[in-house]
């Protein structure tokens, strides 16, 4: 999904740079749990349960992605 546009040395390790347009496209399609309306008004677990009750699950394994991402079109 995300395209790279090169590499940079960061803290002694070469890291991939994400292409700006690729990032914008990603942000227009996916939303992190903490960016979903209601996250800061309630406990995160309540929002998770509400999404699960609607049949919505993170698009990718949160352990792999480092966060819980949901398709905006599903929300």
Protein backbone atom coordinates (compact mmCIF):
# COMPACT_ATOMS: atom_id res chain seq x y z
CA UNK A 1 0.00 0.00 0.00
CA UNK A 2 2.69 2.54 0.97
CA UNK A 3 5.34 3.24 -1.63
CA UNK A 4 8.89 4.16 -0.73
CA UNK A 5 10.94 6.94 -2.28
CA UNK A 6 14.41 6.17 -0.96
CA UNK A 7 16.24 5.55 2.26
CA UNK A 8 17.73 7.56 5.11
CA UNK A 9 20.22 6.68 7.82
CA UNK A 10 18.43 7.00 11.17
CA UNK A 11 20.09 6.06 14.46
CA UNK A 12 22.67 3.98 12.62
CA UNK A 13 20.09 2.01 10.60
CA UNK A 14 18.98 2.54 7.02
CA UNK A 15 15.22 3.22 6.97
CA UNK A 16 12.79 3.38 4.06
CA UNK A 17 11.27 6.79 3.26
CA UNK A 18 7.56 6.75 2.46
CA UNK A 19 6.52 8.66 -0.64
CA UNK A 20 4.44 11.74 0.28
CA UNK A 21 1.62 11.06 -2.22
CA UNK A 22 1.49 7.44 -1.11
CA UNK A 23 1.09 8.59 2.49
CA UNK A 24 -1.74 11.00 1.55
CA UNK A 25 -3.55 8.20 -0.31
CA UNK A 26 -3.16 5.90 2.72
CA UNK A 27 -4.51 8.59 5.06
CA UNK A 28 -7.53 9.11 2.81
CA UNK A 29 -8.41 5.39 3.00
CA UNK A 30 -7.50 4.33 6.54
CA UNK A 31 -7.99 5.73 10.05
CA UNK A 32 -6.04 4.85 13.17
CA UNK A 33 -8.20 3.89 16.16
CA UNK A 34 -7.03 6.95 18.12
CA UNK A 35 -8.15 9.21 15.24
CA UNK A 36 -11.72 7.87 15.13
CA UNK A 37 -14.38 10.22 16.55
CA UNK A 38 -15.20 9.32 20.12
CA UNK A 39 -11.81 7.79 20.98
CA UNK A 40 -10.80 10.56 23.38
CA UNK A 41 -14.32 10.90 24.86
CA UNK A 42 -14.44 7.25 25.90
CA UNK A 43 -12.00 4.60 26.90
CA UNK A 44 -10.34 2.97 23.87
CA UNK A 45 -11.70 -0.43 24.88
CA UNK A 46 -15.30 0.85 24.66
CA UNK A 47 -14.71 2.11 21.14
CA UNK A 48 -13.04 -1.19 20.16
CA UNK A 49 -16.08 -3.12 21.47
CA UNK A 50 -18.44 -0.81 19.59
CA UNK A 51 -16.53 -1.40 16.34
CA UNK A 52 -16.45 -5.17 16.92
CA UNK A 53 -20.22 -5.15 17.55
CA UNK A 54 -20.60 -3.57 14.08
CA UNK A 55 -18.45 -6.35 12.64
CA UNK A 56 -15.44 -4.09 12.13
CA UNK A 57 -11.94 -5.32 12.86
CA UNK A 58 -8.55 -3.74 12.16
CA UNK A 59 -7.49 -4.12 8.53
CA UNK A 60 -4.05 -5.45 9.55
CA UNK A 61 -2.83 -7.27 12.62
CA UNK A 62 -2.06 -4.49 15.15
CA UNK A 63 1.05 -6.39 16.27
CA UNK A 64 2.43 -6.14 12.73
CA UNK A 65 1.14 -2.65 11.86
CA UNK A 66 1.99 -1.13 15.24
CA UNK A 67 -1.51 0.33 15.55
CA UNK A 68 -5.16 -0.49 14.85
CA UNK A 69 -6.16 0.78 11.38
CA UNK A 70 -9.73 0.71 10.02
CA UNK A 71 -11.04 1.46 6.53
CA UNK A 72 -12.70 4.86 6.51
CA UNK A 73 -15.35 3.53 4.13
CA UNK A 74 -16.36 0.99 6.81
CA UNK A 75 -16.73 3.60 9.52
